[in-house]
N, C-alpha and C. Protein backbone atom coordinates (compact mmCIF):
# COMPACT_ATOMS: atom_id res chain seq x y z
N MET A 1 65.29 -4.48 -49.12
CA MET A 1 66.35 -4.64 -48.14
C MET A 1 67.70 -4.63 -48.87
N ILE A 2 68.65 -3.91 -48.32
CA ILE A 2 69.98 -3.82 -48.93
C ILE A 2 70.80 -5.01 -48.46
N LYS A 3 71.30 -5.78 -49.43
CA LYS A 3 72.07 -6.98 -49.08
C LYS A 3 73.56 -6.83 -49.36
N ASP A 4 73.92 -5.91 -50.23
CA ASP A 4 75.31 -5.74 -50.60
C ASP A 4 76.04 -4.91 -49.54
N LYS A 5 77.14 -5.43 -49.03
CA LYS A 5 77.88 -4.75 -47.96
C LYS A 5 78.47 -3.43 -48.46
N ASP A 6 78.88 -3.37 -49.72
CA ASP A 6 79.45 -2.14 -50.26
C ASP A 6 78.41 -1.03 -50.33
N SER A 7 77.19 -1.38 -50.68
CA SER A 7 76.16 -0.33 -50.76
C SER A 7 75.79 0.17 -49.37
N VAL A 8 75.83 -0.68 -48.37
CA VAL A 8 75.58 -0.24 -47.00
C VAL A 8 76.68 0.73 -46.56
N GLY A 9 77.91 0.40 -46.87
CA GLY A 9 79.03 1.29 -46.54
C GLY A 9 78.92 2.62 -47.25
N THR A 10 78.46 2.59 -48.49
CA THR A 10 78.27 3.83 -49.25
C THR A 10 77.20 4.70 -48.61
N ILE A 11 76.12 4.08 -48.16
CA ILE A 11 75.04 4.83 -47.52
C ILE A 11 75.53 5.43 -46.20
N ILE A 12 76.30 4.67 -45.44
CA ILE A 12 76.83 5.18 -44.17
C ILE A 12 77.76 6.36 -44.42
N ASP A 13 78.62 6.27 -45.43
CA ASP A 13 79.49 7.39 -45.78
C ASP A 13 78.68 8.62 -46.15
N LEU A 14 77.63 8.41 -46.92
CA LEU A 14 76.77 9.52 -47.33
C LEU A 14 76.10 10.17 -46.12
N VAL A 15 75.67 9.36 -45.17
CA VAL A 15 75.02 9.89 -43.97
C VAL A 15 76.01 10.72 -43.15
N PHE A 16 77.21 10.22 -42.96
CA PHE A 16 78.21 10.97 -42.20
C PHE A 16 78.56 12.29 -42.90
N LYS A 17 78.67 12.27 -44.21
CA LYS A 17 78.96 13.50 -44.94
C LYS A 17 77.80 14.48 -44.86
N ALA A 18 76.58 13.97 -44.89
CA ALA A 18 75.40 14.83 -44.78
C ALA A 18 75.33 15.47 -43.40
N VAL A 19 75.66 14.70 -42.37
CA VAL A 19 75.67 15.26 -41.00
C VAL A 19 76.72 16.36 -40.89
N ALA A 20 77.89 16.13 -41.48
CA ALA A 20 78.94 17.15 -41.44
C ALA A 20 78.49 18.43 -42.15
N LEU A 21 77.85 18.29 -43.30
CA LEU A 21 77.36 19.46 -44.02
C LEU A 21 76.27 20.17 -43.23
N ALA A 22 75.38 19.41 -42.61
CA ALA A 22 74.30 20.01 -41.82
C ALA A 22 74.86 20.77 -40.62
N MET A 23 75.89 20.24 -39.99
CA MET A 23 76.49 20.92 -38.84
C MET A 23 77.13 22.23 -39.29
N ALA A 24 77.80 22.20 -40.43
CA ALA A 24 78.44 23.42 -40.94
C ALA A 24 77.40 24.48 -41.28
N VAL A 25 76.33 24.08 -41.92
CA VAL A 25 75.27 25.03 -42.26
C VAL A 25 74.63 25.59 -41.00
N ALA A 26 74.40 24.74 -40.02
CA ALA A 26 73.80 25.19 -38.75
C ALA A 26 74.69 26.22 -38.07
N VAL A 27 75.99 26.01 -38.09
CA VAL A 27 76.91 26.95 -37.46
C VAL A 27 76.91 28.28 -38.21
N VAL A 28 76.90 28.23 -39.52
CA VAL A 28 76.88 29.48 -40.30
C VAL A 28 75.59 30.26 -40.02
N VAL A 29 74.46 29.57 -40.06
CA VAL A 29 73.17 30.25 -39.84
C VAL A 29 73.08 30.82 -38.43
N THR A 30 73.44 30.03 -37.43
CA THR A 30 73.35 30.53 -36.06
C THR A 30 74.39 31.63 -35.80
N GLY A 31 75.49 31.58 -36.52
CA GLY A 31 76.48 32.65 -36.39
C GLY A 31 75.98 33.96 -36.98
N VAL A 32 75.32 33.88 -38.12
CA VAL A 32 74.77 35.07 -38.75
C VAL A 32 73.65 35.65 -37.89
N LEU A 33 72.80 34.79 -37.36
CA LEU A 33 71.68 35.24 -36.53
C LEU A 33 72.09 35.56 -35.10
N ASP A 34 73.30 35.17 -34.73
CA ASP A 34 73.83 35.39 -33.38
C ASP A 34 72.88 34.83 -32.31
N THR A 35 72.49 33.57 -32.51
CA THR A 35 71.54 32.93 -31.59
C THR A 35 72.15 31.78 -30.80
N MET A 36 73.42 31.50 -30.99
CA MET A 36 74.04 30.37 -30.31
C MET A 36 75.41 30.77 -29.78
N GLU A 37 75.77 30.20 -28.65
CA GLU A 37 77.08 30.49 -28.06
C GLU A 37 78.19 29.85 -28.89
N ILE A 38 79.37 30.41 -28.79
CA ILE A 38 80.53 29.94 -29.53
C ILE A 38 80.87 28.49 -29.15
N GLN A 39 80.77 28.16 -27.87
CA GLN A 39 81.09 26.80 -27.42
C GLN A 39 80.18 25.78 -28.08
N THR A 40 78.91 26.10 -28.22
CA THR A 40 77.97 25.19 -28.86
C THR A 40 78.27 25.07 -30.35
N GLN A 41 78.64 26.17 -30.97
CA GLN A 41 79.00 26.13 -32.39
C GLN A 41 80.25 25.27 -32.61
N LEU A 42 81.21 25.40 -31.70
CA LEU A 42 82.41 24.57 -31.81
C LEU A 42 82.08 23.09 -31.62
N LEU A 43 81.14 22.79 -30.75
CA LEU A 43 80.70 21.41 -30.57
C LEU A 43 80.09 20.87 -31.86
N LEU A 44 79.25 21.66 -32.51
CA LEU A 44 78.65 21.23 -33.77
C LEU A 44 79.70 21.02 -34.85
N LEU A 45 80.68 21.91 -34.90
CA LEU A 45 81.76 21.73 -35.88
C LEU A 45 82.59 20.49 -35.57
N GLY A 46 82.77 20.19 -34.29
CA GLY A 46 83.48 18.98 -33.90
C GLY A 46 82.72 17.72 -34.32
N ILE A 47 81.40 17.74 -34.19
CA ILE A 47 80.60 16.60 -34.63
C ILE A 47 80.73 16.42 -36.13
N GLY A 48 80.69 17.52 -36.86
CA GLY A 48 80.86 17.44 -38.31
C GLY A 48 82.23 16.93 -38.71
N LEU A 49 83.24 17.39 -38.02
CA LEU A 49 84.60 16.94 -38.31
C LEU A 49 84.76 15.46 -38.01
N PHE A 50 84.13 15.00 -36.94
CA PHE A 50 84.15 13.58 -36.62
C PHE A 50 83.52 12.76 -37.74
N GLY A 51 82.41 13.22 -38.27
CA GLY A 51 81.76 12.52 -39.38
C GLY A 51 82.64 12.43 -40.61
N LEU A 52 83.33 13.51 -40.93
CA LEU A 52 84.25 13.48 -42.07
C LEU A 52 85.44 12.57 -41.81
N ALA A 53 85.92 12.55 -40.57
CA ALA A 53 87.05 11.68 -40.23
C ALA A 53 86.66 10.21 -40.35
N VAL A 54 85.45 9.87 -39.95
CA VAL A 54 84.99 8.48 -40.06
C VAL A 54 84.93 8.06 -41.52
N THR A 55 84.45 8.94 -42.38
CA THR A 55 84.38 8.57 -43.81
C THR A 55 85.77 8.40 -44.40
N GLU A 56 86.74 9.20 -43.96
CA GLU A 56 88.10 9.07 -44.48
C GLU A 56 88.79 7.81 -43.94
N LEU A 57 88.52 7.43 -42.72
CA LEU A 57 89.15 6.24 -42.15
C LEU A 57 88.61 4.97 -42.79
N ASP A 58 87.43 5.06 -43.34
CA ASP A 58 86.79 3.89 -43.94
C ASP A 58 87.41 3.53 -45.29
N ARG A 59 88.16 4.43 -45.88
CA ARG A 59 88.72 4.19 -47.22
C ARG A 59 89.75 3.14 -47.22
């Protein structure tokens, strides 16, 4: 069990950054394959941007 508050914050930052990276990769792949609408891709990019914004606000 993680007891240190700083390490929990570090893990949360890592998760948000990983989600942002996953959303970007998903948009690139679906864009290349042309399997997703632009609106849905923009939604995924917005989710990724939100994750990056949360990590920056935490500093």
